[in-house]
Amino acid sequence: MRSLFLSLLSLLLSLPTLAAQDFAQKFAEEWAKDSVLETVTISPKMMEQMLGMAPVEGLGQDKRIREAIGKLRSMRIVTARSNSQLYYERATNLMDRNSTRFQQIDTFAKTADEGAFYSRKNQQGETVELVMLYHHQDKGRFVVVCVTGDIDDAFFRSLLDTFRY
């Protein structure tokens, strides 16, 4: 009886972890056997340090960026340096399989590269995850950038504008 109780308890405790899985983590786990994929997770604190920002100082644009970063939970980046088309197709197929969870927002394309933005919203309609898929055919480069947290429209628009051609 005790072992059954402990098994049920551990199952219940693992449920929030499964629900909190972001797209990049799911993609990386699905293709974990592929040694070509590399995954990096960056916390908001690390982003702040990389940008060289003090926690309280700054005005104007720096302040808006710092506030936006403060609302983020994490940024996860999955990359591959070969087979970009294959990984891009796998990622878009995974998005298609999760079309009730993710909505495509925008796409971008140039001669040798293409990509797409997707978002996931919570029950209140707030964006809680933003995903960018990208591949460059000539360089054989594939990238998934997944940002989770409280993603406001200003932050979201600045990211979109960065990648539009």
Protein backbone atom coordinates (compact mmCIF):
# COMPACT_ATOMS: atom_id res chain seq x y z
CA MET A 1 0.00 0.00 0.00
CA ARG A 2 2.78 2.39 0.91
CA SER A 3 4.63 1.78 -2.37
CA LEU A 4 1.41 2.40 -4.31
CA PHE A 5 0.94 5.69 -2.46
CA LEU A 6 4.54 6.74 -3.16
CA SER A 7 4.18 5.81 -6.83
CA LEU A 8 1.00 7.88 -7.16
CA LEU A 9 2.62 10.79 -5.34
CA SER A 10 5.66 10.77 -7.62
CA LEU A 11 3.37 10.62 -10.67
CA LEU A 12 1.38 13.61 -9.43
CA LEU A 13 4.54 15.58 -8.72
CA SER A 14 5.85 14.93 -12.22
CA LEU A 15 2.68 16.20 -13.93
CA PRO A 16 3.48 19.93 -13.60
CA THR A 17 6.92 19.25 -15.08
CA LEU A 18 5.38 17.55 -18.10
CA ALA A 19 2.87 20.36 -18.57
CA ALA A 20 5.59 23.01 -18.35
CA GLN A 21 7.67 21.49 -21.14
CA ASP A 22 8.38 24.08 -23.82
CA PHE A 23 8.60 23.40 -27.56
CA ALA A 24 12.40 23.41 -27.77
CA GLN A 25 12.67 20.93 -24.92
CA LYS A 26 10.07 18.66 -26.52
CA PHE A 27 11.82 18.85 -29.91
CA ALA A 28 15.25 18.15 -28.38
CA GLU A 29 13.92 15.18 -26.40
CA GLU A 30 12.12 13.75 -29.43
CA TRP A 31 15.35 13.77 -31.43
CA ALA A 32 17.80 13.20 -28.53
CA LYS A 33 19.42 10.28 -30.35
CA ASP A 34 20.68 12.69 -33.02
CA SER A 35 24.13 13.79 -31.90
CA VAL A 36 23.97 16.76 -34.30
CA LEU A 37 21.54 18.71 -32.08
CA GLU A 38 22.84 21.02 -29.37
CA THR A 39 20.64 22.63 -26.70
CA VAL A 40 21.41 25.67 -24.55
CA THR A 41 19.12 27.12 -21.87
CA ILE A 42 19.55 30.74 -20.78
CA SER A 43 17.89 32.11 -17.64
CA PRO A 44 16.72 35.75 -17.33
CA LYS A 45 19.58 36.42 -14.89
CA MET A 46 22.09 35.11 -17.41
CA MET A 47 20.50 37.23 -20.18
CA GLU A 48 20.81 40.28 -17.97
CA GLN A 49 24.48 39.52 -17.29
CA MET A 50 25.20 38.89 -20.97
CA LEU A 51 23.72 42.27 -21.84
CA GLY A 52 25.88 43.87 -19.17
CA MET A 53 22.95 45.46 -17.38
CA ALA A 54 22.86 46.31 -13.72
CA PRO A 55 19.59 45.24 -12.06
CA VAL A 56 18.42 48.80 -11.25
CA GLU A 57 20.30 51.21 -13.48
CA GLY A 58 19.36 52.37 -16.98
CA LEU A 59 16.74 54.44 -18.69
CA GLY A 60 14.82 54.43 -21.96
CA GLN A 61 15.39 51.44 -24.22
CA ASP A 62 17.66 49.66 -21.70
CA LYS A 63 14.92 49.91 -19.10
CA ARG A 64 12.30 48.45 -21.46
CA ILE A 65 14.61 45.59 -22.44
CA ARG A 66 15.44 44.89 -18.79
CA GLU A 67 11.73 44.90 -17.87
CA ALA A 68 10.95 42.51 -20.73
CA ILE A 69 13.81 40.19 -19.72
CA GLY A 70 12.60 40.30 -16.13
CA LYS A 71 9.28 38.81 -17.26
CA LEU A 72 10.91 35.88 -19.05
CA ARG A 73 11.33 32.46 -17.46
CA SER A 74 13.85 31.06 -19.91
CA MET A 75 15.23 31.03 -23.40
CA ARG A 76 16.09 27.68 -24.91
CA ILE A 77 18.05 27.38 -28.16
CA VAL A 78 18.37 24.17 -30.17
CA THR A 79 20.83 24.16 -33.08
CA ALA A 80 22.14 21.81 -35.75
CA ARG A 81 25.03 22.57 -38.09
CA SER A 82 23.92 20.16 -40.78
CA ASN A 83 20.71 18.74 -42.24
CA SER A 84 18.88 22.03 -41.73
CA GLN A 85 16.05 21.13 -44.10
CA LEU A 86 15.43 17.81 -42.32
CA TYR A 87 15.33 19.40 -38.87
CA TYR A 88 13.20 22.29 -40.10
CA GLU A 89 10.67 19.80 -41.51
CA ARG A 90 10.71 17.83 -38.24
CA ALA A 91 10.12 21.01 -36.24
CA THR A 92 7.26 22.21 -38.45
CA ASN A 93 5.73 18.72 -38.32
CA LEU A 94 5.89 18.82 -34.52
CA MET A 95 4.21 22.23 -34.63
CA ASP A 96 1.51 20.80 -36.91
CA ARG A 97 0.94 17.94 -34.45
CA ASN A 98 0.52 20.55 -31.69
CA SER A 99 -1.61 23.00 -33.69
CA THR A 100 -4.14 23.36 -30.87
CA ARG A 101 -1.34 24.55 -28.59
CA PHE A 102 0.69 26.73 -30.98
CA GLN A 103 -0.46 29.30 -33.51
CA GLN A 104 1.71 30.37 -36.43
CA ILE A 105 2.15 34.15 -36.34
CA ASP A 106 4.50 35.02 -39.14
CA THR A 107 6.94 33.56 -41.66
CA PHE A 108 10.02 34.95 -43.32
CA ALA A 109 11.98 33.79 -46.32
CA LYS A 110 14.91 34.86 -48.43
CA THR A 111 16.84 33.05 -51.13
CA ALA A 112 18.67 30.54 -48.93
CA ASP A 113 16.93 30.81 -45.59
CA GLU A 114 13.45 30.65 -44.17
CA GLY A 115 11.70 30.55 -40.85
CA ALA A 116 8.51 30.97 -38.91
CA PHE A 117 7.25 32.36 -35.61
CA TYR A 118 4.74 30.58 -33.40
CA SER A 119 3.15 31.53 -30.11
CA ARG A 120 1.39 29.73 -27.30
CA LYS A 121 -1.15 31.52 -25.16
CA ASN A 122 -2.52 30.68 -21.74
CA GLN A 123 -6.24 30.47 -20.92
CA GLN A 124 -6.35 34.23 -20.32
CA GLY A 125 -5.07 34.87 -23.85
CA GLU A 126 -1.62 36.06 -22.77
CA THR A 127 1.42 34.96 -24.77
CA VAL A 128 3.52 32.63 -22.58
CA GLU A 129 5.77 31.07 -25.22
CA LEU A 130 7.29 32.38 -28.42
CA VAL A 131 9.07 30.04 -30.83
CA MET A 132 11.19 30.87 -33.86
CA LEU A 133 12.14 28.13 -36.33
CA TYR A 134 14.92 28.95 -38.80
CA HIS A 135 17.03 27.17 -41.35
CA HIS A 136 19.67 28.32 -43.79
CA GLN A 137 20.06 25.88 -46.67
CA ASP A 138 23.43 27.07 -47.98
CA LYS A 139 25.05 26.94 -44.55
CA GLY A 140 23.11 23.84 -43.43
CA ARG A 141 22.17 25.66 -40.23
CA PHE A 142 19.00 24.98 -38.21
CA VAL A 143 17.89 26.92 -35.12
CA VAL A 144 14.93 26.81 -32.73
CA VAL A 145 14.69 29.73 -30.31
CA CYS A 146 12.06 29.30 -27.62
CA VAL A 147 11.28 32.06 -25.11
CA THR A 148 8.91 31.41 -22.20
CA GLY A 149 7.41 33.77 -19.65
CA ASP A 150 5.16 36.80 -19.71
CA ILE A 151 5.76 37.98 -23.28
CA ASP A 152 4.28 41.40 -23.86
CA ASP A 153 3.45 42.86 -27.28
CA ALA A 154 6.39 45.30 -27.33
CA PHE A 155 8.93 42.53 -26.74
CA PHE A 156 7.18 40.31 -29.24
CA ARG A 157 7.09 43.03 -31.93
CA SER A 158 10.77 43.89 -31.46
CA LEU A 159 11.70 40.24 -32.04
CA LEU A 160 9.51 40.03 -35.15
CA ASP A 161 10.96 43.25 -36.56
CA THR A 162 14.50 41.93 -36.08
CA PHE A 163 13.85 38.98 -38.39
CA ARG A 164 11.69 40.57 -41.07
CA TYR A 165 13.40 41.29 -44.36
